[in-house]
Amino acid sequence: ELKSDLICSSTQLRKDFMFVSAISLMKAFLLVSSYKILIFMWNSTRVAFTR
């Protein structure tokens, strides 16, 4: 009985871990893409002003 409970909790933990890592991956991706967009906008405005 105890063994099956342990297996259940370990699979649940694995699911939670995968969920959390997926969320952190999404956050990192969003962060990087927004950073790139910011850099792109900054460069284009700088070009527009120096012209």
PDB file of N, CA and C in Angstrom:
ATOM      1  N   GLU A   1       0.834  -1.217   0.000  1.00  0.00           N
ATOM      2  CA  GLU A   1       0.000   0.000   0.000  1.00  0.00           C
ATOM      3  C   GLU A   1       0.862   1.258   0.000  1.00  0.00           C
ATOM      4  N   LEU A   2       1.895   1.236   0.854  1.00  0.00           N
ATOM      5  CA  LEU A   2       2.781   2.399   0.933  1.00  0.00           C
ATOM      6  C   LEU A   2       3.532   2.611  -0.385  1.00  0.00           C
ATOM      7  N   LYS A   3       3.951   1.499  -0.987  1.00  0.00           N
ATOM      8  CA  LYS A   3       4.728   1.596  -2.226  1.00  0.00           C
ATOM      9  C   LYS A   3       3.918   2.268  -3.338  1.00  0.00           C
ATOM     10  N   SER A   4       2.657   1.882  -3.465  1.00  0.00           N
ATOM     11  CA  SER A   4       1.832   2.478  -4.525  1.00  0.00           C
ATOM     12  C   SER A   4       1.637   3.976  -4.270  1.00  0.00           C
ATOM     13  N   ASP A   5       1.474   4.371  -3.004  1.00  0.00           N
ATOM     14  CA  ASP A   5       1.342   5.791  -2.676  1.00  0.00           C
ATOM     15  C   ASP A   5       2.608   6.544  -3.084  1.00  0.00           C
ATOM     16  N   LEU A   6       3.753   5.928  -2.820  1.00  0.00           N
ATOM     17  CA  LEU A   6       5.029   6.554  -3.179  1.00  0.00           C
ATOM     18  C   LEU A   6       5.134   6.740  -4.686  1.00  0.00           C
ATOM     19  N   ILE A   7       4.717   5.715  -5.428  1.00  0.00           N
ATOM     20  CA  ILE A   7       4.797   5.796  -6.893  1.00  0.00           C
ATOM     21  C   ILE A   7       3.867   6.899  -7.396  1.00  0.00           C
ATOM     22  N   CYS A   8       2.679   6.965  -6.820  1.00  0.00           N
ATOM     23  CA  CYS A   8       1.720   7.995  -7.235  1.00  0.00           C
ATOM     24  C   CYS A   8       2.295   9.386  -6.988  1.00  0.00           C
ATOM     25  N   SER A   9       2.850   9.592  -5.796  1.00  0.00           N
ATOM     26  CA  SER A   9       3.381  10.915  -5.477  1.00  0.00           C
ATOM     27  C   SER A   9       4.580  11.250  -6.362  1.00  0.00           C
ATOM     28  N   SER A  10       5.393  10.267  -6.698  1.00  0.00           N
ATOM     29  CA  SER A  10       6.564  10.544  -7.539  1.00  0.00           C
ATOM     30  C   SER A  10       6.126  10.933  -8.952  1.00  0.00           C
ATOM     31  N   THR A  11       5.099  10.257  -9.494  1.00  0.00           N
ATOM     32  CA  THR A  11       4.626  10.634 -10.830  1.00  0.00           C
ATOM     33  C   THR A  11       4.015  12.029 -10.783  1.00  0.00           C
ATOM     34  N   GLN A  12       3.294  12.340  -9.709  1.00  0.00           N
ATOM     35  CA  GLN A  12       2.712  13.670  -9.557  1.00  0.00           C
ATOM     36  C   GLN A  12       3.815  14.723  -9.491  1.00  0.00           C
ATOM     37  N   LEU A  13       4.875  14.412  -8.749  1.00  0.00           N
ATOM     38  CA  LEU A  13       6.014  15.329  -8.646  1.00  0.00           C
ATOM     39  C   LEU A  13       6.635  15.546 -10.020  1.00  0.00           C
ATOM     40  N   ARG A  14       6.763  14.471 -10.775  1.00  0.00           N
ATOM     41  CA  ARG A  14       7.362  14.596 -12.110  1.00  0.00           C
ATOM     42  C   ARG A  14       6.499  15.482 -12.990  1.00  0.00           C
ATOM     43  N   LYS A  15       5.182  15.292 -12.906  1.00  0.00           N
ATOM     44  CA  LYS A  15       4.266  16.131 -13.691  1.00  0.00           C
ATOM     45  C   LYS A  15       4.416  17.592 -13.296  1.00  0.00           C
ATOM     46  N   ASP A  16       4.442  17.851 -11.986  1.00  0.00           N
ATOM     47  CA  ASP A  16       4.590  19.223 -11.510  1.00  0.00           C
ATOM     48  C   ASP A  16       5.905  19.819 -12.004  1.00  0.00           C
ATOM     49  N   PHE A  17       6.970  19.022 -11.946  1.00  0.00           N
ATOM     50  CA  PHE A  17       8.277  19.508 -12.374  1.00  0.00           C
ATOM     51  C   PHE A  17       8.261  19.862 -13.860  1.00  0.00           C
ATOM     52  N   MET A  18       7.658  18.996 -14.670  1.00  0.00           N
ATOM     53  CA  MET A  18       7.581  19.265 -16.103  1.00  0.00           C
ATOM     54  C   MET A  18       6.772  20.530 -16.363  1.00  0.00           C
ATOM     55  N   PHE A  19       5.673  20.684 -15.620  1.00  0.00           N
ATOM     56  CA  PHE A  19       4.827  21.872 -15.762  1.00  0.00           C
ATOM     57  C   PHE A  19       5.622  23.134 -15.443  1.00  0.00           C
ATOM     58  N   VAL A  20       6.329  23.098 -14.310  1.00  0.00           N
ATOM     59  CA  VAL A  20       7.106  24.264 -13.878  1.00  0.00           C
ATOM     60  C   VAL A  20       8.216  24.577 -14.872  1.00  0.00           C
ATOM     61  N   SER A  21       8.905  23.556 -15.347  1.00  0.00           N
ATOM     62  CA  SER A  21      10.003  23.800 -16.292  1.00  0.00           C
ATOM     63  C   SER A  21       9.462  24.337 -17.613  1.00  0.00           C
ATOM     64  N   ALA A  22       8.291  23.852 -18.035  1.00  0.00           N
ATOM     65  CA  ALA A  22       7.687  24.362 -19.266  1.00  0.00           C
ATOM     66  C   ALA A  22       7.351  25.837 -19.103  1.00  0.00           C
ATOM     67  N   ILE A  23       6.792  26.197 -17.950  1.00  0.00           N
ATOM     68  CA  ILE A  23       6.431  27.599 -17.694  1.00  0.00           C
ATOM     69  C   ILE A  23       7.678  28.471 -17.682  1.00  0.00           C
ATOM     70  N   SER A  24       8.751  27.997 -17.041  1.00  0.00           N
ATOM     71  CA  SER A  24       9.974  28.800 -16.980  1.00  0.00           C
ATOM     72  C   SER A  24      10.594  28.947 -18.371  1.00  0.00           C
ATOM     73  N   LEU A  25      10.485  27.894 -19.191  1.00  0.00           N
ATOM     74  CA  LEU A  25      10.982  27.976 -20.562  1.00  0.00           C
ATOM     75  C   LEU A  25      10.202  29.033 -21.340  1.00  0.00           C
ATOM     76  N   MET A  26       8.867  29.023 -21.179  1.00  0.00           N
ATOM     77  CA  MET A  26       8.034  30.017 -21.857  1.00  0.00           C
ATOM     78  C   MET A  26       8.414  31.423 -21.408  1.00  0.00           C
ATOM     79  N   LYS A  27       8.609  31.585 -20.078  1.00  0.00           N
ATOM     80  CA  LYS A  27       8.975  32.904 -19.550  1.00  0.00           C
ATOM     81  C   LYS A  27      10.293  33.370 -20.147  1.00  0.00           C
ATOM     82  N   ALA A  28      11.278  32.471 -20.188  1.00  0.00           N
ATOM     83  CA  ALA A  28      12.586  32.836 -20.736  1.00  0.00           C
ATOM     84  C   ALA A  28      12.453  33.221 -22.208  1.00  0.00           C
ATOM     85  N   PHE A  29      11.656  32.460 -22.957  1.00  0.00           N
ATOM     86  CA  PHE A  29      11.454  32.745 -24.376  1.00  0.00           C
ATOM     87  C   PHE A  29      10.818  34.118 -24.555  1.00  0.00           C
ATOM     88  N   LEU A  30       9.773  34.410 -23.758  1.00  0.00           N
ATOM     89  CA  LEU A  30       9.103  35.702 -23.852  1.00  0.00           C
ATOM     90  C   LEU A  30      10.066  36.830 -23.503  1.00  0.00           C
ATOM     91  N   LEU A  31      10.866  36.611 -22.467  1.00  0.00           N
ATOM     92  CA  LEU A  31      11.827  37.618 -22.039  1.00  0.00           C
ATOM     93  C   LEU A  31      12.808  37.931 -23.165  1.00  0.00           C
ATOM     94  N   VAL A  32      13.343  36.870 -23.774  1.00  0.00           N
ATOM     95  CA  VAL A  32      14.329  37.055 -24.846  1.00  0.00           C
ATOM     96  C   VAL A  32      13.701  37.748 -26.049  1.00  0.00           C
ATOM     97  N   SER A  33      12.505  37.326 -26.426  1.00  0.00           N
ATOM     98  CA  SER A  33      11.877  37.928 -27.609  1.00  0.00           C
ATOM     99  C   SER A  33      11.522  39.395 -27.356  1.00  0.00           C
ATOM    100  N   SER A  34      11.032  39.720 -26.158  1.00  0.00           N
ATOM    101  CA  SER A  34      10.707  41.120 -25.875  1.00  0.00           C
ATOM    102  C   SER A  34      11.979  41.959 -25.847  1.00  0.00           C
ATOM    103  N   TYR A  35      13.065  41.371 -25.332  1.00  0.00           N
ATOM    104  CA  TYR A  35      14.360  42.064 -25.312  1.00  0.00           C
ATOM    105  C   TYR A  35      14.830  42.355 -26.732  1.00  0.00           C
ATOM    106  N   LYS A  36      14.699  41.362 -27.608  1.00  0.00           N
ATOM    107  CA  LYS A  36      15.097  41.546 -29.007  1.00  0.00           C
ATOM    108  C   LYS A  36      14.245  42.622 -29.668  1.00  0.00           C
ATOM    109  N   ILE A  37      12.939  42.606 -29.386  1.00  0.00           N
ATOM    110  CA  ILE A  37      12.048  43.613 -29.962  1.00  0.00           C
ATOM    111  C   ILE A  37      12.442  45.005 -29.482  1.00  0.00           C
ATOM    112  N   LEU A  38      12.773  45.104 -28.185  1.00  0.00           N
ATOM    113  CA  LEU A  38      13.204  46.393 -27.630  1.00  0.00           C
ATOM    114  C   LEU A  38      14.462  46.888 -28.333  1.00  0.00           C
ATOM    115  N   ILE A  39      15.424  45.989 -28.519  1.00  0.00           N
ATOM    116  CA  ILE A  39      16.671  46.371 -29.190  1.00  0.00           C
ATOM    117  C   ILE A  39      16.389  46.810 -30.622  1.00  0.00           C
ATOM    118  N   PHE A  40      15.520  46.070 -31.301  1.00  0.00           N
ATOM    119  CA  PHE A  40      15.178  46.402 -32.682  1.00  0.00           C
ATOM    120  C   PHE A  40      14.540  47.790 -32.755  1.00  0.00           C
ATOM    121  N   MET A  41      13.578  48.053 -31.856  1.00  0.00           N
ATOM    122  CA  MET A  41      12.910  49.357 -31.837  1.00  0.00           C
ATOM    123  C   MET A  41      13.912  50.467 -31.534  1.00  0.00           C
ATOM    124  N   TRP A  42      14.782  50.209 -30.562  1.00  0.00           N
ATOM    125  CA  TRP A  42      15.790  51.208 -30.190  1.00  0.00           C
ATOM    126  C   TRP A  42      16.690  51.526 -31.375  1.00  0.00           C
ATOM    127  N   ASN A  43      17.116  50.493 -32.101  1.00  0.00           N
ATOM    128  CA  ASN A  43      17.983  50.711 -33.263  1.00  0.00           C
ATOM    129  C   ASN A  43      17.248  51.488 -34.350  1.00  0.00           C
ATOM    130  N   SER A  44      15.998  51.142 -34.608  1.00  0.00           N
ATOM    131  CA  SER A  44      15.265  51.834 -35.672  1.00  0.00           C
ATOM    132  C   SER A  44      15.026  53.298 -35.305  1.00  0.00           C
ATOM    133  N   THR A  45      14.725  53.585 -34.036  1.00  0.00           N
ATOM    134  CA  THR A  45      14.505  54.984 -33.650  1.00  0.00           C
ATOM    135  C   THR A  45      15.814  55.757 -33.751  1.00  0.00           C
ATOM    136  N   ARG A  46      16.912  55.108 -33.379  1.00  0.00           N
ATOM    137  CA  ARG A  46      18.217  55.771 -33.457  1.00  0.00           C
ATOM    138  C   ARG A  46      18.549  56.097 -34.914  1.00  0.00           C
ATOM    139  N   VAL A  47      18.258  55.154 -35.800  1.00  0.00           N
ATOM    140  CA  VAL A  47      18.519  55.386 -37.233  1.00  0.00           C
ATOM    141  C   VAL A  47      17.648  56.532 -37.727  1.00  0.00           C
ATOM    142  N   ALA A  48      16.389  56.561 -37.306  1.00  0.00           N
ATOM    143  CA  ALA A  48      15.475  57.610 -37.744  1.00  0.00           C
ATOM    144  C   ALA A  48      15.950  58.976 -37.259  1.00  0.00           C
ATOM    145  N   PHE A  49      16.526  59.023 -36.067  1.00  0.00           N
ATOM    146  CA  PHE A  49      16.963  60.320 -35.533  1.00  0.00           C
ATOM    147  C   PHE A  49      18.286  60.774 -36.139  1.00  0.00           C
ATOM    148  N   THR A  50      19.155  59.836 -36.476  1.00  0.00           N
ATOM    149  CA  THR A  50      20.462  60.233 -37.003  1.00  0.00           C
ATOM    150  C   THR A  50      20.371  60.614 -38.476  1.00  0.00           C
ATOM    151  N   ARG A  51      19.297  60.211 -39.161  1.00  0.00           N
ATOM    152  CA  ARG A  51      19.173  60.528 -40.576  1.00  0.00           C
ATOM    153  C   ARG A  51      18.990  62.035 -40.809  1.00  0.00           C
TER     154      ARG A  51
END
